[in-house]
Protein backbone atom coordinates (compact mmCIF):
# COMPACT_ATOMS: atom_id res chain seq x y z
CA UNK A 1 -0.15 0.33 -0.22
CA UNK A 2 2.74 2.11 0.63
CA UNK A 3 4.06 3.15 -3.22
CA UNK A 4 0.38 4.25 -3.89
CA UNK A 5 0.57 6.36 -0.88
CA UNK A 6 2.33 9.41 -1.95
CA UNK A 7 -0.11 9.84 -5.84
CA UNK A 8 -3.49 8.43 -3.58
CA UNK A 9 -2.65 12.36 -2.17
CA UNK A 10 -1.86 14.39 -5.17
CA UNK A 11 -4.91 12.65 -7.40
CA UNK A 12 -7.06 13.87 -4.33
CA UNK A 13 -5.57 16.79 -3.80
CA UNK A 14 -6.03 17.84 -8.42
CA UNK A 15 -9.57 16.14 -7.19
CA UNK A 16 -10.50 18.26 -4.67
CA UNK A 17 -9.36 21.57 -6.43
CA UNK A 18 -10.71 21.50 -9.78
CA UNK A 19 -13.77 19.94 -7.80
CA UNK A 20 -15.51 23.58 -8.22
CA UNK A 21 -14.38 23.63 -11.95
CA UNK A 22 -15.82 20.21 -12.91
CA UNK A 23 -19.39 21.70 -11.38
CA UNK A 24 -19.12 24.71 -13.37
CA UNK A 25 -18.02 22.99 -16.49
CA UNK A 26 -20.78 19.79 -15.61
CA UNK A 27 -23.46 23.13 -15.26
CA UNK A 28 -21.93 24.95 -18.59
CA UNK A 29 -22.91 21.40 -20.44
CA UNK A 30 -26.09 21.03 -19.29
CA UNK A 31 -25.74 19.07 -16.73
CA UNK A 32 -23.56 16.03 -18.21
CA UNK A 33 -21.15 14.47 -15.87
CA UNK A 34 -19.83 12.39 -18.06
CA UNK A 35 -19.07 15.85 -21.20
CA UNK A 36 -17.72 17.35 -17.84
CA UNK A 37 -15.14 14.55 -16.88
CA UNK A 38 -13.80 13.95 -19.99
CA UNK A 39 -13.43 17.71 -20.64
CA UNK A 40 -11.32 17.72 -17.28
CA UNK A 41 -9.37 14.88 -17.79
CA UNK A 42 -8.57 16.13 -22.12
CA UNK A 43 -7.65 19.59 -19.49
CA UNK A 44 -5.55 17.90 -17.27
CA UNK A 45 -3.42 15.78 -19.53
CA UNK A 46 -3.17 18.68 -21.93
CA UNK A 47 -1.20 20.62 -19.13
CA UNK A 48 0.49 17.75 -18.09
CA UNK A 49 1.63 17.19 -21.73
CA UNK A 50 1.94 20.73 -23.48
CA UNK A 51 4.83 21.83 -20.90
CA UNK A 52 5.91 18.31 -21.00
CA UNK A 53 6.59 17.87 -24.97
CA UNK A 54 7.98 21.93 -24.93
CA UNK A 55 10.29 21.28 -22.69
CA UNK A 56 11.85 17.79 -24.29
CA UNK A 57 11.48 19.56 -27.98
CA UNK A 58 13.87 22.50 -26.31
CA UNK A 59 16.28 19.49 -24.80
CA UNK A 60 16.19 17.69 -28.47
CA UNK A 61 16.96 21.01 -29.56
CA UNK A 62 19.55 21.98 -28.32
CA UNK A 63 21.48 18.20 -28.04
CA UNK A 64 24.54 19.14 -29.83
CA UNK A 65 25.12 22.45 -27.48
CA UNK A 66 25.09 20.28 -24.45
CA UNK A 67 27.14 17.28 -25.73
CA UNK A 68 29.71 20.47 -27.19
CA UNK A 69 29.82 21.96 -23.88
CA UNK A 70 29.44 18.83 -21.69
CA UNK A 71 32.79 17.74 -24.33
CA UNK A 72 34.06 20.93 -23.11
CA UNK A 73 34.03 20.60 -19.26
CA UNK A 74 36.04 18.25 -19.48
CA UNK A 75 39.03 20.66 -20.98
CA UNK A 76 37.87 23.42 -18.19
CA UNK A 77 40.41 23.51 -14.71
CA UNK A 78 39.77 25.57 -11.80
CA UNK A 79 42.00 28.91 -11.76
CA UNK A 80 44.25 29.48 -9.06
CA UNK A 81 42.45 31.39 -5.83
CA UNK A 82 42.57 35.29 -5.16
CA UNK A 83 46.42 36.45 -3.83
CA UNK A 84 43.65 37.94 -0.76
CA UNK A 85 41.96 34.45 -0.29
CA UNK A 86 45.46 33.35 1.79
CA UNK A 87 45.57 35.97 3.74
CA UNK A 88 42.21 35.05 5.55
CA UNK A 89 43.00 34.25 9.61
CA UNK A 90 42.62 30.26 10.54
CA UNK A 91 41.38 28.51 7.58
CA UNK A 92 42.83 30.78 4.12
CA UNK A 93 46.14 28.55 4.46
CA UNK A 94 44.45 25.67 4.52
CA UNK A 95 41.15 26.73 1.82
CA UNK A 96 44.27 27.41 -0.64
CA UNK A 97 45.98 24.09 -1.11
CA UNK A 98 42.68 22.52 -1.21
CA UNK A 99 42.39 24.43 -3.65
CA UNK A 100 44.74 24.70 -5.66
CA UNK A 101 44.95 19.93 -4.66
CA UNK A 102 41.60 20.38 -6.84
């Protein structure tokens, strides 16, 4: 039962928050609950699918840039620490040594 608790909580939250919209859609559709449920289901699916589609299409369109970025990341190195880091009291020397070790 435990794997179903989180989805059940989300489903309950969505149903409770969209219930007034369902009742409004039912009134608008002449009291036909089945049509209102179908309309709400399609609307909620579109709210989920449309942003997902745009996100996936953006990733696909920029896949080459992401691949180029990830390969160029391997050639980058950490620059030397600024001179003022070593002058920090208590931790300056250790921090500079650790920075150079990276």
